[in-house]
Amino acid sequence: MHAPRRPHMEAAFSVLCYLKGAPGQGLFFSSQNGLSLLAFCNSDWVGCLITHRSTTGYCVFLGSSLISWRTKRQKTISLFSAKAEYRAMTGTCCELFWLRSLLKDLRILHPKLVLLHCDNKAALHITVNLVFHKRTRHIEMDCHFIRDKIQDVSIMTKFVILVNQLADAFTKSLEKETFSTMIRKLRVLNIHSLT
């Protein structure tokens, strides 16, 4: 915002054209919905070519309804992809526990276990490996936070293949067909086309 240029204006027009072409799109919340939390997290390692910072993206479902999502550039530069993914997992984990406390305040009982999907096997391995390697000691705080949540059985991490990684819509530019598939999986529907 402090130094807008032509590419920024073109991106803004692109967003406005998309919004104008889809006035009836919105989230669908089913009345017959489960009350378990499910999350997908992802990061694009060194996604910004200027700052070399990664972008974190996550989406959280309550049953089959999307209730929380976020895209944010990470504050520090990650030297390897597992570190960027681990930071994304930590941010998602914090959101999940805030949502659990909100559900508790609303007196909605939630099953103890929350599923967190990630597509980086190295980051998932670090969560269960009790030995810190030299390359992972600088993410020790994140490791302890997530590992504590896994050990007290309040969160379970699970590998998800790339085509089923719903958080990709928040971290990467996708082709039109892939984007359309992703938003359908996120339960974004056009109310004008419902019968």
C-alpha atoms as a PDB file:
ATOM      1  CA  MET A   1       0.000   0.000   0.000  1.00  0.00           C
ATOM      2  CA  HIS A   2       2.892   2.398   0.603  1.00  0.00           C
ATOM      3  CA  ALA A   3       4.266   2.087  -2.976  1.00  0.00           C
ATOM      4  CA  PRO A   4       1.558   0.832  -5.352  1.00  0.00           C
ATOM      5  CA  ARG A   5       2.541   0.087  -8.940  1.00  0.00           C
ATOM      6  CA  ARG A   6       0.846  -1.200 -12.102  1.00  0.00           C
ATOM      7  CA  PRO A   7       1.085  -4.932 -11.143  1.00  0.00           C
ATOM      8  CA  HIS A   8      -0.699  -4.144  -7.875  1.00  0.00           C
ATOM      9  CA  MET A   9      -3.486  -2.364  -9.754  1.00  0.00           C
ATOM     10  CA  GLU A  10      -3.800  -5.271 -12.210  1.00  0.00           C
ATOM     11  CA  ALA A  11      -4.046  -7.736  -9.312  1.00  0.00           C
ATOM     12  CA  ALA A  12      -6.754  -5.582  -7.678  1.00  0.00           C
ATOM     13  CA  PHE A  13      -8.722  -5.458 -10.948  1.00  0.00           C
ATOM     14  CA  SER A  14      -8.385  -9.227 -11.269  1.00  0.00           C
ATOM     15  CA  VAL A  15      -9.866  -9.710  -7.792  1.00  0.00           C
ATOM     16  CA  LEU A  16     -12.702  -7.273  -8.550  1.00  0.00           C
ATOM     17  CA  CYS A  17     -13.505  -9.073 -11.837  1.00  0.00           C
ATOM     18  CA  TYR A  18     -13.632 -12.391  -9.985  1.00  0.00           C
ATOM     19  CA  LEU A  19     -15.966 -10.969  -7.328  1.00  0.00           C
ATOM     20  CA  LYS A  20     -18.225  -9.358  -9.944  1.00  0.00           C
ATOM     21  CA  GLY A  21     -18.463 -12.646 -11.834  1.00  0.00           C
ATOM     22  CA  ALA A  22     -19.478 -14.618  -8.741  1.00  0.00           C
ATOM     23  CA  PRO A  23     -21.976 -12.528  -6.740  1.00  0.00           C
ATOM     24  CA  GLY A  24     -23.799 -15.554  -5.347  1.00  0.00           C
ATOM     25  CA  GLN A  25     -20.810 -17.399  -3.978  1.00  0.00           C
ATOM     26  CA  GLY A  26     -20.699 -18.092  -0.282  1.00  0.00           C
ATOM     27  CA  LEU A  27     -20.066 -20.676   2.366  1.00  0.00           C
ATOM     28  CA  PHE A  28     -22.606 -23.408   2.983  1.00  0.00           C
ATOM     29  CA  PHE A  29     -23.295 -24.421   6.582  1.00  0.00           C
ATOM     30  CA  SER A  30     -25.303 -27.614   6.904  1.00  0.00           C
ATOM     31  CA  SER A  31     -27.805 -28.009   9.740  1.00  0.00           C
ATOM     32  CA  GLN A  32     -26.825 -31.686  10.018  1.00  0.00           C
ATOM     33  CA  ASN A  33     -23.169 -31.052  10.756  1.00  0.00           C
ATOM     34  CA  GLY A  34     -20.700 -32.828  12.999  1.00  0.00           C
ATOM     35  CA  LEU A  35     -18.944 -30.884  15.730  1.00  0.00           C
ATOM     36  CA  SER A  36     -15.389 -32.133  15.328  1.00  0.00           C
ATOM     37  CA  LEU A  37     -12.591 -29.789  14.303  1.00  0.00           C
ATOM     38  CA  LEU A  38     -10.462 -30.653  11.278  1.00  0.00           C
ATOM     39  CA  ALA A  39      -7.659 -28.511   9.868  1.00  0.00           C
ATOM     40  CA  PHE A  40      -5.382 -28.323   6.843  1.00  0.00           C
ATOM     41  CA  CYS A  41      -2.171 -26.286   6.926  1.00  0.00           C
ATOM     42  CA  ASN A  42       0.435 -25.499   4.316  1.00  0.00           C
ATOM     43  CA  SER A  43       3.193 -23.082   3.462  1.00  0.00           C
ATOM     44  CA  ASP A  44       4.884 -22.016   0.268  1.00  0.00           C
ATOM     45  CA  TRP A  45       8.562 -22.148   1.073  1.00  0.00           C
ATOM     46  CA  VAL A  46      10.283 -18.878   0.016  1.00  0.00           C
ATOM     47  CA  GLY A  47       7.157 -17.834  -1.855  1.00  0.00           C
ATOM     48  CA  CYS A  48       8.014 -14.127  -1.887  1.00  0.00           C
ATOM     49  CA  LEU A  49      10.810 -13.447  -4.342  1.00  0.00           C
ATOM     50  CA  ILE A  50      11.589 -10.087  -2.738  1.00  0.00           C
ATOM     51  CA  THR A  51      11.751 -10.926   0.979  1.00  0.00           C
ATOM     52  CA  HIS A  52      12.306 -14.717   0.616  1.00  0.00           C
ATOM     53  CA  ARG A  53       9.711 -15.309   3.319  1.00  0.00           C
ATOM     54  CA  SER A  54       7.204 -18.134   3.254  1.00  0.00           C
ATOM     55  CA  THR A  55       3.452 -17.773   3.421  1.00  0.00           C
ATOM     56  CA  THR A  56       1.381 -19.736   5.913  1.00  0.00           C
ATOM     57  CA  GLY A  57      -2.114 -20.818   4.995  1.00  0.00           C
ATOM     58  CA  TYR A  58      -4.659 -22.851   6.882  1.00  0.00           C
ATOM     59  CA  CYS A  59      -8.324 -23.686   6.903  1.00  0.00           C
ATOM     60  CA  VAL A  60     -10.360 -25.145   9.756  1.00  0.00           C
ATOM     61  CA  PHE A  61     -13.617 -27.063   9.451  1.00  0.00           C
ATOM     62  CA  LEU A  62     -16.246 -27.716  12.090  1.00  0.00           C
ATOM     63  CA  GLY A  63     -17.696 -30.937  10.745  1.00  0.00           C
ATOM     64  CA  SER A  64     -17.976 -30.240   7.026  1.00  0.00           C
ATOM     65  CA  SER A  65     -18.327 -26.446   7.337  1.00  0.00           C
ATOM     66  CA  LEU A  66     -15.412 -24.078   6.825  1.00  0.00           C
ATOM     67  CA  ILE A  67     -15.313 -21.786   9.865  1.00  0.00           C
ATOM     68  CA  SER A  68     -11.801 -20.300   9.908  1.00  0.00           C
ATOM     69  CA  TRP A  69      -9.068 -19.613   7.384  1.00  0.00           C
ATOM     70  CA  ARG A  70      -5.974 -17.482   7.145  1.00  0.00           C
ATOM     71  CA  THR A  71      -3.117 -16.542   4.887  1.00  0.00           C
ATOM     72  CA  LYS A  72      -0.163 -14.702   6.374  1.00  0.00           C
ATOM     73  CA  ARG A  73       3.440 -14.087   5.460  1.00  0.00           C
ATOM     74  CA  GLN A  74       5.798 -15.588   8.033  1.00  0.00           C
ATOM     75  CA  LYS A  75       7.856 -13.110  10.071  1.00  0.00           C
ATOM     76  CA  THR A  76      11.199 -14.834   9.551  1.00  0.00           C
ATOM     77  CA  ILE A  77      12.962 -16.538   6.671  1.00  0.00           C
ATOM     78  CA  SER A  78      12.889 -20.337   6.735  1.00  0.00           C
ATOM     79  CA  LEU A  79      16.088 -22.064   5.664  1.00  0.00           C
ATOM     80  CA  PHE A  80      14.318 -25.259   4.648  1.00  0.00           C
ATOM     81  CA  SER A  81      10.747 -26.250   3.751  1.00  0.00           C
ATOM     82  CA  ALA A  82      10.103 -28.359   6.860  1.00  0.00           C
ATOM     83  CA  LYS A  83      10.754 -25.297   9.035  1.00  0.00           C
ATOM     84  CA  ALA A  84       8.217 -23.251   7.052  1.00  0.00           C
ATOM     85  CA  GLU A  85       5.673 -26.077   7.287  1.00  0.00           C
ATOM     86  CA  TYR A  86       6.333 -26.448  11.001  1.00  0.00           C
ATOM     87  CA  ARG A  87       5.611 -22.764  11.536  1.00  0.00           C
ATOM     88  CA  ALA A  88       2.370 -23.223   9.602  1.00  0.00           C
ATOM     89  CA  MET A  89       1.480 -26.185  11.824  1.00  0.00           C
ATOM     90  CA  THR A  90       2.148 -24.122  14.957  1.00  0.00           C
ATOM     91  CA  GLY A  91      -0.079 -21.253  13.792  1.00  0.00           C
ATOM     92  CA  THR A  92      -2.831 -23.690  12.876  1.00  0.00           C
ATOM     93  CA  CYS A  93      -2.500 -25.457  16.226  1.00  0.00           C
ATOM     94  CA  CYS A  94      -2.923 -22.141  18.069  1.00  0.00           C
ATOM     95  CA  GLU A  95      -6.079 -21.414  16.046  1.00  0.00           C
ATOM     96  CA  LEU A  96      -7.464 -24.878  16.780  1.00  0.00           C
ATOM     97  CA  PHE A  97      -7.048 -24.442  20.520  1.00  0.00           C
ATOM     98  CA  TRP A  98      -8.608 -20.996  20.437  1.00  0.00           C
ATOM     99  CA  LEU A  99     -11.603 -22.480  18.586  1.00  0.00           C
ATOM    100  CA  ARG A 100     -11.853 -25.311  21.117  1.00  0.00           C
ATOM    101  CA  SER A 101     -11.964 -22.806  23.958  1.00  0.00           C
ATOM    102  CA  LEU A 102     -14.625 -20.814  22.067  1.00  0.00           C
ATOM    103  CA  LEU A 103     -16.729 -23.965  21.636  1.00  0.00           C
ATOM    104  CA  LYS A 104     -16.299 -24.684  25.344  1.00  0.00           C
ATOM    105  CA  ASP A 105     -17.476 -21.140  26.215  1.00  0.00           C
ATOM    106  CA  LEU A 106     -20.530 -21.745  24.013  1.00  0.00           C
ATOM    107  CA  ARG A 107     -21.097 -25.016  25.925  1.00  0.00           C
ATOM    108  CA  ILE A 108     -20.606 -27.129  22.813  1.00  0.00           C
ATOM    109  CA  LEU A 109     -18.952 -30.427  23.614  1.00  0.00           C
ATOM    110  CA  HIS A 110     -16.070 -31.258  21.341  1.00  0.00           C
ATOM    111  CA  PRO A 111     -14.296 -34.604  20.998  1.00  0.00           C
ATOM    112  CA  LYS A 112     -10.841 -34.439  22.526  1.00  0.00           C
ATOM    113  CA  LEU A 113      -8.919 -35.289  19.338  1.00  0.00           C
ATOM    114  CA  VAL A 114      -8.430 -32.707  16.565  1.00  0.00           C
ATOM    115  CA  LEU A 115      -7.035 -33.747  13.164  1.00  0.00           C
ATOM    116  CA  LEU A 116      -4.350 -31.554  11.569  1.00  0.00           C
ATOM    117  CA  HIS A 117      -3.461 -32.400   7.965  1.00  0.00           C
ATOM    118  CA  CYS A 118      -0.063 -31.478   6.518  1.00  0.00           C
ATOM    119  CA  ASP A 119       1.609 -32.436   3.226  1.00  0.00           C
ATOM    120  CA  ASN A 120       5.242 -32.267   4.408  1.00  0.00           C
ATOM    121  CA  LYS A 121       6.554 -35.627   5.639  1.00  0.00           C
ATOM    122  CA  ALA A 122       9.696 -34.065   7.148  1.00  0.00           C
ATOM    123  CA  ALA A 123       7.639 -31.707   9.334  1.00  0.00           C
ATOM    124  CA  LEU A 124       5.378 -34.577  10.407  1.00  0.00           C
ATOM    125  CA  HIS A 125       8.423 -36.689  11.255  1.00  0.00           C
ATOM    126  CA  ILE A 126       9.832 -33.918  13.465  1.00  0.00           C
ATOM    127  CA  THR A 127       6.576 -33.861  15.479  1.00  0.00           C
ATOM    128  CA  VAL A 128       7.002 -37.475  16.591  1.00  0.00           C
ATOM    129  CA  ASN A 129      10.803 -37.717  16.673  1.00  0.00           C
ATOM    130  CA  LEU A 130      11.997 -36.969  20.196  1.00  0.00           C
ATOM    131  CA  VAL A 131      15.607 -36.355  19.098  1.00  0.00           C
ATOM    132  CA  PHE A 132      16.460 -32.812  18.017  1.00  0.00           C
ATOM    133  CA  HIS A 133      18.923 -32.576  15.185  1.00  0.00           C
ATOM    134  CA  LYS A 134      21.298 -29.657  14.653  1.00  0.00           C
ATOM    135  CA  ARG A 135      19.179 -28.436  11.745  1.00  0.00           C
ATOM    136  CA  THR A 136      15.974 -28.302  13.827  1.00  0.00           C
ATOM    137  CA  ARG A 137      17.133 -26.764  17.094  1.00  0.00           C
ATOM    138  CA  HIS A 138      16.094 -23.235  16.013  1.00  0.00           C
ATOM    139  CA  ILE A 139      12.454 -24.365  15.814  1.00  0.00           C
ATOM    140  CA  GLU A 140      12.553 -25.985  19.231  1.00  0.00           C
ATOM    141  CA  MET A 141       9.719 -23.819  20.662  1.00  0.00           C
ATOM    142  CA  ASP A 142       7.368 -24.846  17.856  1.00  0.00           C
ATOM    143  CA  CYS A 143       8.430 -28.476  18.270  1.00  0.00           C
ATOM    144  CA  HIS A 144       7.705 -28.513  21.985  1.00  0.00           C
ATOM    145  CA  PHE A 145       4.320 -26.818  21.550  1.00  0.00           C
ATOM    146  CA  ILE A 146       3.030 -29.233  18.901  1.00  0.00           C
ATOM    147  CA  ARG A 147       4.659 -32.276  20.476  1.00  0.00           C
ATOM    148  CA  ASP A 148       2.961 -31.493  23.810  1.00  0.00           C
ATOM    149  CA  LYS A 149      -0.409 -31.330  22.064  1.00  0.00           C
ATOM    150  CA  ILE A 150       0.262 -34.656  20.309  1.00  0.00           C
ATOM    151  CA  GLN A 151       1.388 -36.356  23.514  1.00  0.00           C
ATOM    152  CA  ASP A 152      -1.655 -35.244  25.502  1.00  0.00           C
ATOM    153  CA  VAL A 153      -3.788 -36.654  22.649  1.00  0.00           C
ATOM    154  CA  SER A 154      -5.555 -33.391  21.914  1.00  0.00           C
ATOM    155  CA  ILE A 155      -4.210 -33.200  18.352  1.00  0.00           C
ATOM    156  CA  MET A 156      -3.275 -35.806  15.770  1.00  0.00           C
ATOM    157  CA  THR A 157      -1.238 -34.963  12.701  1.00  0.00           C
ATOM    158  CA  LYS A 158      -1.931 -36.753   9.471  1.00  0.00           C
ATOM    159  CA  PHE A 159      -0.239 -36.734   6.067  1.00  0.00           C
ATOM    160  CA  VAL A 160      -2.372 -35.544   3.168  1.00  0.00           C
ATOM    161  CA  ILE A 161      -1.415 -35.897  -0.496  1.00  0.00           C
ATOM    162  CA  LEU A 162      -0.992 -32.733  -2.520  1.00  0.00           C
ATOM    163  CA  VAL A 163      -4.237 -33.039  -4.518  1.00  0.00           C
ATOM    164  CA  ASN A 164      -6.231 -33.200  -1.269  1.00  0.00           C
ATOM    165  CA  GLN A 165      -4.346 -30.348   0.438  1.00  0.00           C
ATOM    166  CA  LEU A 166      -7.109 -27.757   0.804  1.00  0.00           C
ATOM    167  CA  ALA A 167      -4.770 -25.119   2.232  1.00  0.00           C
ATOM    168  CA  ASP A 168      -3.076 -24.840  -1.191  1.00  0.00           C
ATOM    169  CA  ALA A 169      -5.821 -22.405  -2.158  1.00  0.00           C
ATOM    170  CA  PHE A 170      -4.461 -20.030   0.505  1.00  0.00           C
ATOM    171  CA  THR A 171      -0.742 -20.250  -0.298  1.00  0.00           C
ATOM    172  CA  LYS A 172      -0.301 -20.734  -4.042  1.00  0.00           C
ATOM    173  CA  SER A 173      -1.543 -19.448  -7.363  1.00  0.00           C
ATOM    174  CA  LEU A 174      -3.629 -22.222  -8.868  1.00  0.00           C
ATOM    175  CA  GLU A 175      -4.889 -22.906 -12.364  1.00  0.00           C
ATOM    176  CA  LYS A 176      -8.579 -22.181 -12.923  1.00  0.00           C
ATOM    177  CA  GLU A 177      -9.687 -25.834 -12.897  1.00  0.00           C
ATOM    178  CA  THR A 178      -7.641 -26.647  -9.787  1.00  0.00           C
ATOM    179  CA  PHE A 179      -8.934 -23.505  -8.036  1.00  0.00           C
ATOM    180  CA  SER A 180     -12.549 -24.392  -8.893  1.00  0.00           C
ATOM    181  CA  THR A 181     -12.055 -27.892  -7.503  1.00  0.00           C
ATOM    182  CA  MET A 182     -10.486 -26.510  -4.322  1.00  0.00           C
ATOM    183  CA  ILE A 183     -13.262 -24.025  -3.588  1.00  0.00           C
ATOM    184  CA  ARG A 184     -15.860 -26.766  -4.108  1.00  0.00           C
ATOM    185  CA  LYS A 185     -13.986 -28.884  -1.543  1.00  0.00           C
ATOM    186  CA  LEU A 186     -13.972 -25.855   0.779  1.00  0.00           C
ATOM    187  CA  ARG A 187     -17.784 -25.863   0.408  1.00  0.00           C
ATOM    188  CA  VAL A 188     -17.916 -22.500  -1.354  1.00  0.00           C
ATOM    189  CA  LEU A 189     -21.129 -22.681  -3.380  1.00  0.00           C
ATOM    190  CA  ASN A 190     -23.006 -20.446  -5.782  1.00  0.00           C
ATOM    191  CA  ILE A 191     -26.465 -19.883  -4.246  1.00  0.00           C
ATOM    192  CA  HIS A 192     -27.881 -18.975  -7.673  1.00  0.00           C
ATOM    193  CA  SER A 193     -27.112 -22.459  -9.007  1.00  0.00           C
ATOM    194  CA  LEU A 194     -28.582 -24.436  -6.078  1.00  0.00           C
ATOM    195  CA  THR A 195     -31.779 -26.297  -6.743  1.00  0.00           C
END
